[in-house]
């Protein structure tokens, strides 16, 4: 009888542990799905002036410990703009715990640990290393002069390497800006 009770307890304990793991995985997927919603009001385009304006909020959600832009991290949000367009990033840090900044950098296999020269002239906030406290921010204005793959990156040391970046595609063939989701990297 004692052996049967031991086997039964171990069986229930294993079943409970398996159920807890599955529940945890389902909760993680639900959190990822709810944190990965694009708000179409983030992006405004004016074809006449060839200007794309993006509302960019640092620490919008708790995703990735608050190290996210508009609730996305590790490249899961893709901003596309036509080559030659003016780009305005209206950046504001909403993270109550950490400072954040913005810099547009070339995409590469390895994400840098801190600031690097921006991919376009003026494509960075001031205070890239120190960042901006909660409620603060700055507008970043630049011309997307060359086609290619870039990152909108938090240059506060360690933040970009921890996943605080989204993708920017400058397209030679697109006729209007757009937002889409992409795979995390």
C-alpha atoms as a PDB file:
ATOM      1  CA  UNK A   1       0.000   0.000   0.000  1.00  0.00           C
ATOM      2  CA  UNK A   2       2.829   2.431   0.890  1.00  0.00           C
ATOM      3  CA  UNK A   3       4.420   1.855  -2.557  1.00  0.00           C
ATOM      4  CA  UNK A   4       1.100   2.571  -4.277  1.00  0.00           C
ATOM      5  CA  UNK A   5       0.663   5.816  -2.290  1.00  0.00           C
ATOM      6  CA  UNK A   6       4.248   6.849  -3.155  1.00  0.00           C
ATOM      7  CA  UNK A   7       3.697   6.189  -6.863  1.00  0.00           C
ATOM      8  CA  UNK A   8       0.361   7.990  -6.756  1.00  0.00           C
ATOM      9  CA  UNK A   9       1.850  11.035  -4.969  1.00  0.00           C
ATOM     10  CA  UNK A  10       4.751  11.161  -7.420  1.00  0.00           C
ATOM     11  CA  UNK A  11       2.306  10.849 -10.314  1.00  0.00           C
ATOM     12  CA  UNK A  12       0.141  13.695  -9.020  1.00  0.00           C
ATOM     13  CA  UNK A  13       3.194  15.819  -8.250  1.00  0.00           C
ATOM     14  CA  UNK A  14       4.518  15.261 -11.796  1.00  0.00           C
ATOM     15  CA  UNK A  15       1.115  15.956 -13.286  1.00  0.00           C
ATOM     16  CA  UNK A  16       0.831  19.158 -11.233  1.00  0.00           C
ATOM     17  CA  UNK A  17       4.310  20.298 -12.303  1.00  0.00           C
ATOM     18  CA  UNK A  18       3.521  19.590 -15.964  1.00  0.00           C
ATOM     19  CA  UNK A  19       0.233  21.477 -15.682  1.00  0.00           C
ATOM     20  CA  UNK A  20       1.967  24.428 -14.030  1.00  0.00           C
ATOM     21  CA  UNK A  21       4.539  24.552 -16.840  1.00  0.00           C
ATOM     22  CA  UNK A  22       1.830  24.436 -19.496  1.00  0.00           C
ATOM     23  CA  UNK A  23      -0.190  27.119 -17.715  1.00  0.00           C
ATOM     24  CA  UNK A  24       2.930  29.283 -17.425  1.00  0.00           C
ATOM     25  CA  UNK A  25       3.673  28.849 -21.136  1.00  0.00           C
ATOM     26  CA  UNK A  26       0.085  29.737 -22.054  1.00  0.00           C
ATOM     27  CA  UNK A  27       0.242  32.827 -19.841  1.00  0.00           C
ATOM     28  CA  UNK A  28       3.528  33.906 -21.480  1.00  0.00           C
ATOM     29  CA  UNK A  29       2.033  33.508 -24.961  1.00  0.00           C
ATOM     30  CA  UNK A  30      -1.038  35.510 -23.937  1.00  0.00           C
ATOM     31  CA  UNK A  31       1.130  38.269 -22.477  1.00  0.00           C
ATOM     32  CA  UNK A  32       3.213  38.386 -25.651  1.00  0.00           C
ATOM     33  CA  UNK A  33       0.094  38.491 -27.817  1.00  0.00           C
ATOM     34  CA  UNK A  34      -1.515  41.273 -25.757  1.00  0.00           C
ATOM     35  CA  UNK A  35       1.728  43.260 -25.622  1.00  0.00           C
ATOM     36  CA  UNK A  36       2.198  43.054 -29.386  1.00  0.00           C
ATOM     37  CA  UNK A  37      -0.633  45.165 -30.716  1.00  0.00           C
ATOM     38  CA  UNK A  38      -0.011  47.911 -33.242  1.00  0.00           C
ATOM     39  CA  UNK A  39      -1.919  51.126 -32.698  1.00  0.00           C
ATOM     40  CA  UNK A  40      -2.502  52.686 -36.156  1.00  0.00           C
ATOM     41  CA  UNK A  41      -2.446  56.180 -34.599  1.00  0.00           C
ATOM     42  CA  UNK A  42       1.284  55.796 -33.897  1.00  0.00           C
ATOM     43  CA  UNK A  43       2.169  56.521 -37.527  1.00  0.00           C
ATOM     44  CA  UNK A  44       1.083  59.547 -39.538  1.00  0.00           C
ATOM     45  CA  UNK A  45       2.098  60.135 -43.122  1.00  0.00           C
ATOM     46  CA  UNK A  46       1.918  63.244 -45.275  1.00  0.00           C
ATOM     47  CA  UNK A  47       2.571  62.280 -48.904  1.00  0.00           C
ATOM     48  CA  UNK A  48       2.681  65.930 -50.061  1.00  0.00           C
ATOM     49  CA  UNK A  49       5.612  66.790 -47.772  1.00  0.00           C
ATOM     50  CA  UNK A  50       6.970  63.210 -47.817  1.00  0.00           C
ATOM     51  CA  UNK A  51       6.988  63.107 -44.023  1.00  0.00           C
ATOM     52  CA  UNK A  52       6.422  60.125 -41.734  1.00  0.00           C
ATOM     53  CA  UNK A  53       5.815  60.845 -38.039  1.00  0.00           C
ATOM     54  CA  UNK A  54       6.014  58.055 -35.482  1.00  0.00           C
ATOM     55  CA  UNK A  55       4.886  58.284 -31.868  1.00  0.00           C
ATOM     56  CA  UNK A  56       7.597  56.356 -30.029  1.00  0.00           C
ATOM     57  CA  UNK A  57       7.085  55.594 -26.334  1.00  0.00           C
ATOM     58  CA  UNK A  58       9.869  54.071 -24.270  1.00  0.00           C
ATOM     59  CA  UNK A  59       8.621  51.708 -21.577  1.00  0.00           C
ATOM     60  CA  UNK A  60       5.030  51.713 -22.832  1.00  0.00           C
ATOM     61  CA  UNK A  61       4.431  48.336 -21.153  1.00  0.00           C
ATOM     62  CA  UNK A  62       6.222  46.086 -18.656  1.00  0.00           C
ATOM     63  CA  UNK A  63       7.410  43.866 -21.531  1.00  0.00           C
ATOM     64  CA  UNK A  64      11.148  43.149 -21.283  1.00  0.00           C
ATOM     65  CA  UNK A  65      11.353  44.913 -17.916  1.00  0.00           C
ATOM     66  CA  UNK A  66      10.083  48.161 -19.478  1.00  0.00           C
ATOM     67  CA  UNK A  67      12.830  48.118 -22.094  1.00  0.00           C
ATOM     68  CA  UNK A  68      10.588  48.403 -25.149  1.00  0.00           C
ATOM     69  CA  UNK A  69       9.379  50.902 -27.714  1.00  0.00           C
ATOM     70  CA  UNK A  70       5.588  51.070 -28.101  1.00  0.00           C
ATOM     71  CA  UNK A  71       5.376  47.754 -26.246  1.00  0.00           C
ATOM     72  CA  UNK A  72       7.690  45.906 -28.669  1.00  0.00           C
ATOM     73  CA  UNK A  73      11.266  44.714 -28.220  1.00  0.00           C
ATOM     74  CA  UNK A  74      13.901  42.683 -30.070  1.00  0.00           C
ATOM     75  CA  UNK A  75      12.732  43.853 -33.498  1.00  0.00           C
ATOM     76  CA  UNK A  76       9.124  42.666 -33.211  1.00  0.00           C
ATOM     77  CA  UNK A  77       7.825  46.004 -34.592  1.00  0.00           C
ATOM     78  CA  UNK A  78       8.863  46.994 -38.118  1.00  0.00           C
ATOM     79  CA  UNK A  79       8.525  50.590 -39.302  1.00  0.00           C
ATOM     80  CA  UNK A  80       8.839  51.042 -43.071  1.00  0.00           C
ATOM     81  CA  UNK A  81       9.410  54.425 -44.721  1.00  0.00           C
ATOM     82  CA  UNK A  82      10.086  55.272 -48.355  1.00  0.00           C
ATOM     83  CA  UNK A  83      13.628  56.308 -49.195  1.00  0.00           C
ATOM     84  CA  UNK A  84      14.073  60.083 -49.263  1.00  0.00           C
ATOM     85  CA  UNK A  85      11.221  60.805 -46.836  1.00  0.00           C
ATOM     86  CA  UNK A  86      11.549  63.016 -43.775  1.00  0.00           C
ATOM     87  CA  UNK A  87      11.179  61.021 -40.574  1.00  0.00           C
ATOM     88  CA  UNK A  88      10.095  62.474 -37.244  1.00  0.00           C
ATOM     89  CA  UNK A  89      10.240  60.282 -34.157  1.00  0.00           C
ATOM     90  CA  UNK A  90       8.225  61.854 -31.333  1.00  0.00           C
ATOM     91  CA  UNK A  91       9.972  60.111 -28.450  1.00  0.00           C
ATOM     92  CA  UNK A  92       8.766  60.134 -24.853  1.00  0.00           C
ATOM     93  CA  UNK A  93       9.957  57.933 -22.015  1.00  0.00           C
ATOM     94  CA  UNK A  94       7.090  56.495 -19.997  1.00  0.00           C
ATOM     95  CA  UNK A  95       9.193  54.005 -17.992  1.00  0.00           C
ATOM     96  CA  UNK A  96       9.036  55.076 -14.314  1.00  0.00           C
ATOM     97  CA  UNK A  97      12.184  53.107 -13.440  1.00  0.00           C
ATOM     98  CA  UNK A  98      14.742  53.572 -16.222  1.00  0.00           C
ATOM     99  CA  UNK A  99      15.993  56.366 -18.480  1.00  0.00           C
ATOM    100  CA  UNK A 100      15.825  55.749 -22.244  1.00  0.00           C
ATOM    101  CA  UNK A 101      17.053  57.375 -25.452  1.00  0.00           C
ATOM    102  CA  UNK A 102      16.689  56.825 -29.191  1.00  0.00           C
ATOM    103  CA  UNK A 103      19.241  56.388 -31.938  1.00  0.00           C
ATOM    104  CA  UNK A 104      18.808  55.033 -35.478  1.00  0.00           C
ATOM    105  CA  UNK A 105      21.693  52.708 -36.272  1.00  0.00           C
ATOM    106  CA  UNK A 106      22.559  50.257 -39.062  1.00  0.00           C
ATOM    107  CA  UNK A 107      21.212  46.751 -38.520  1.00  0.00           C
ATOM    108  CA  UNK A 108      23.957  44.230 -37.810  1.00  0.00           C
ATOM    109  CA  UNK A 109      24.229  40.673 -36.511  1.00  0.00           C
ATOM    110  CA  UNK A 110      25.276  41.893 -33.059  1.00  0.00           C
ATOM    111  CA  UNK A 111      23.414  44.689 -31.298  1.00  0.00           C
ATOM    112  CA  UNK A 112      25.876  47.141 -29.738  1.00  0.00           C
ATOM    113  CA  UNK A 113      26.060  47.605 -25.978  1.00  0.00           C
ATOM    114  CA  UNK A 114      25.787  51.397 -26.180  1.00  0.00           C
ATOM    115  CA  UNK A 115      25.787  54.335 -28.558  1.00  0.00           C
ATOM    116  CA  UNK A 116      27.378  54.152 -31.997  1.00  0.00           C
ATOM    117  CA  UNK A 117      27.375  56.752 -34.789  1.00  0.00           C
ATOM    118  CA  UNK A 118      23.813  57.163 -36.106  1.00  0.00           C
ATOM    119  CA  UNK A 119      22.943  55.845 -39.559  1.00  0.00           C
ATOM    120  CA  UNK A 120      21.582  59.233 -40.663  1.00  0.00           C
ATOM    121  CA  UNK A 121      22.567  62.770 -39.735  1.00  0.00           C
ATOM    122  CA  UNK A 122      20.546  63.938 -36.699  1.00  0.00           C
ATOM    123  CA  UNK A 123      19.042  60.459 -36.165  1.00  0.00           C
ATOM    124  CA  UNK A 124      19.470  60.478 -32.376  1.00  0.00           C
ATOM    125  CA  UNK A 125      18.054  62.179 -29.339  1.00  0.00           C
ATOM    126  CA  UNK A 126      20.391  64.202 -27.211  1.00  0.00           C
ATOM    127  CA  UNK A 127      21.635  62.462 -24.059  1.00  0.00           C
ATOM    128  CA  UNK A 128      21.913  59.106 -25.819  1.00  0.00           C
ATOM    129  CA  UNK A 129      24.003  57.566 -23.015  1.00  0.00           C
ATOM    130  CA  UNK A 130      22.200  59.179 -20.055  1.00  0.00           C
ATOM    131  CA  UNK A 131      18.712  58.875 -21.523  1.00  0.00           C
ATOM    132  CA  UNK A 132      15.578  60.742 -20.523  1.00  0.00           C
ATOM    133  CA  UNK A 133      13.670  60.222 -17.269  1.00  0.00           C
ATOM    134  CA  UNK A 134       9.980  59.341 -17.124  1.00  0.00           C
ATOM    135  CA  UNK A 135       7.850  62.023 -18.751  1.00  0.00           C
ATOM    136  CA  UNK A 136      10.752  63.469 -20.727  1.00  0.00           C
ATOM    137  CA  UNK A 137      11.663  63.014 -24.369  1.00  0.00           C
ATOM    138  CA  UNK A 138      12.719  64.670 -27.588  1.00  0.00           C
ATOM    139  CA  UNK A 139      11.853  64.759 -31.274  1.00  0.00           C
ATOM    140  CA  UNK A 140      14.305  63.116 -33.660  1.00  0.00           C
ATOM    141  CA  UNK A 141      14.208  64.497 -37.221  1.00  0.00           C
ATOM    142  CA  UNK A 142      16.179  63.083 -40.120  1.00  0.00           C
ATOM    143  CA  UNK A 143      15.962  62.266 -43.815  1.00  0.00           C
ATOM    144  CA  UNK A 144      15.885  58.542 -44.664  1.00  0.00           C
ATOM    145  CA  UNK A 145      18.428  59.080 -47.422  1.00  0.00           C
ATOM    146  CA  UNK A 146      19.578  55.536 -48.062  1.00  0.00           C
ATOM    147  CA  UNK A 147      17.642  52.307 -48.434  1.00  0.00           C
ATOM    148  CA  UNK A 148      18.374  49.438 -46.080  1.00  0.00           C
ATOM    149  CA  UNK A 149      17.748  47.824 -42.718  1.00  0.00           C
ATOM    150  CA  UNK A 150      18.192  49.840 -39.539  1.00  0.00           C
ATOM    151  CA  UNK A 151      17.355  49.683 -35.844  1.00  0.00           C
ATOM    152  CA  UNK A 152      15.559  52.242 -33.715  1.00  0.00           C
ATOM    153  CA  UNK A 153      17.658  51.570 -30.670  1.00  0.00           C
ATOM    154  CA  UNK A 154      17.935  52.678 -27.032  1.00  0.00           C
ATOM    155  CA  UNK A 155      21.551  53.786 -26.690  1.00  0.00           C
ATOM    156  CA  UNK A 156      21.618  53.870 -22.874  1.00  0.00           C
ATOM    157  CA  UNK A 157      24.422  51.372 -22.177  1.00  0.00           C
ATOM    158  CA  UNK A 158      23.059  47.829 -21.967  1.00  0.00           C
ATOM    159  CA  UNK A 159      19.474  48.633 -23.012  1.00  0.00           C
ATOM    160  CA  UNK A 160      19.795  47.904 -26.729  1.00  0.00           C
ATOM    161  CA  UNK A 161      21.761  44.724 -26.053  1.00  0.00           C
ATOM    162  CA  UNK A 162      18.947  43.683 -23.666  1.00  0.00           C
ATOM    163  CA  UNK A 163      16.448  43.953 -26.536  1.00  0.00           C
ATOM    164  CA  UNK A 164      15.268  47.567 -26.491  1.00  0.00           C
ATOM    165  CA  UNK A 165      15.108  48.076 -30.249  1.00  0.00           C
ATOM    166  CA  UNK A 166      12.667  47.862 -33.126  1.00  0.00           C
ATOM    167  CA  UNK A 167      13.316  47.683 -36.864  1.00  0.00           C
ATOM    168  CA  UNK A 168      13.322  50.487 -39.422  1.00  0.00           C
ATOM    169  CA  UNK A 169      13.231  49.566 -43.088  1.00  0.00           C
ATOM    170  CA  UNK A 170      13.967  52.335 -45.558  1.00  0.00           C
ATOM    171  CA  UNK A 171      12.527  51.107 -48.857  1.00  0.00           C
ATOM    172  CA  UNK A 172      13.443  52.230 -52.366  1.00  0.00           C
ATOM    173  CA  UNK A 173      10.121  50.805 -53.641  1.00  0.00           C
ATOM    174  CA  UNK A 174       7.525  51.637 -50.944  1.00  0.00           C
ATOM    175  CA  UNK A 175       5.187  54.501 -51.762  1.00  0.00           C
ATOM    176  CA  UNK A 176       3.957  55.084 -48.194  1.00  0.00           C
ATOM    177  CA  UNK A 177       5.063  54.365 -44.627  1.00  0.00           C
ATOM    178  CA  UNK A 178       3.750  51.385 -42.700  1.00  0.00           C
ATOM    179  CA  UNK A 179       3.862  49.416 -39.460  1.00  0.00           C
ATOM    180  CA  UNK A 180       3.978  45.653 -39.173  1.00  0.00           C
ATOM    181  CA  UNK A 181       4.991  42.978 -36.713  1.00  0.00           C
ATOM    182  CA  UNK A 182       8.051  40.843 -37.317  1.00  0.00           C
ATOM    183  CA  UNK A 183       9.883  38.002 -35.639  1.00  0.00           C
ATOM    184  CA  UNK A 184      11.882  38.751 -32.517  1.00  0.00           C
ATOM    185  CA  UNK A 185      15.621  38.319 -32.762  1.00  0.00           C
END
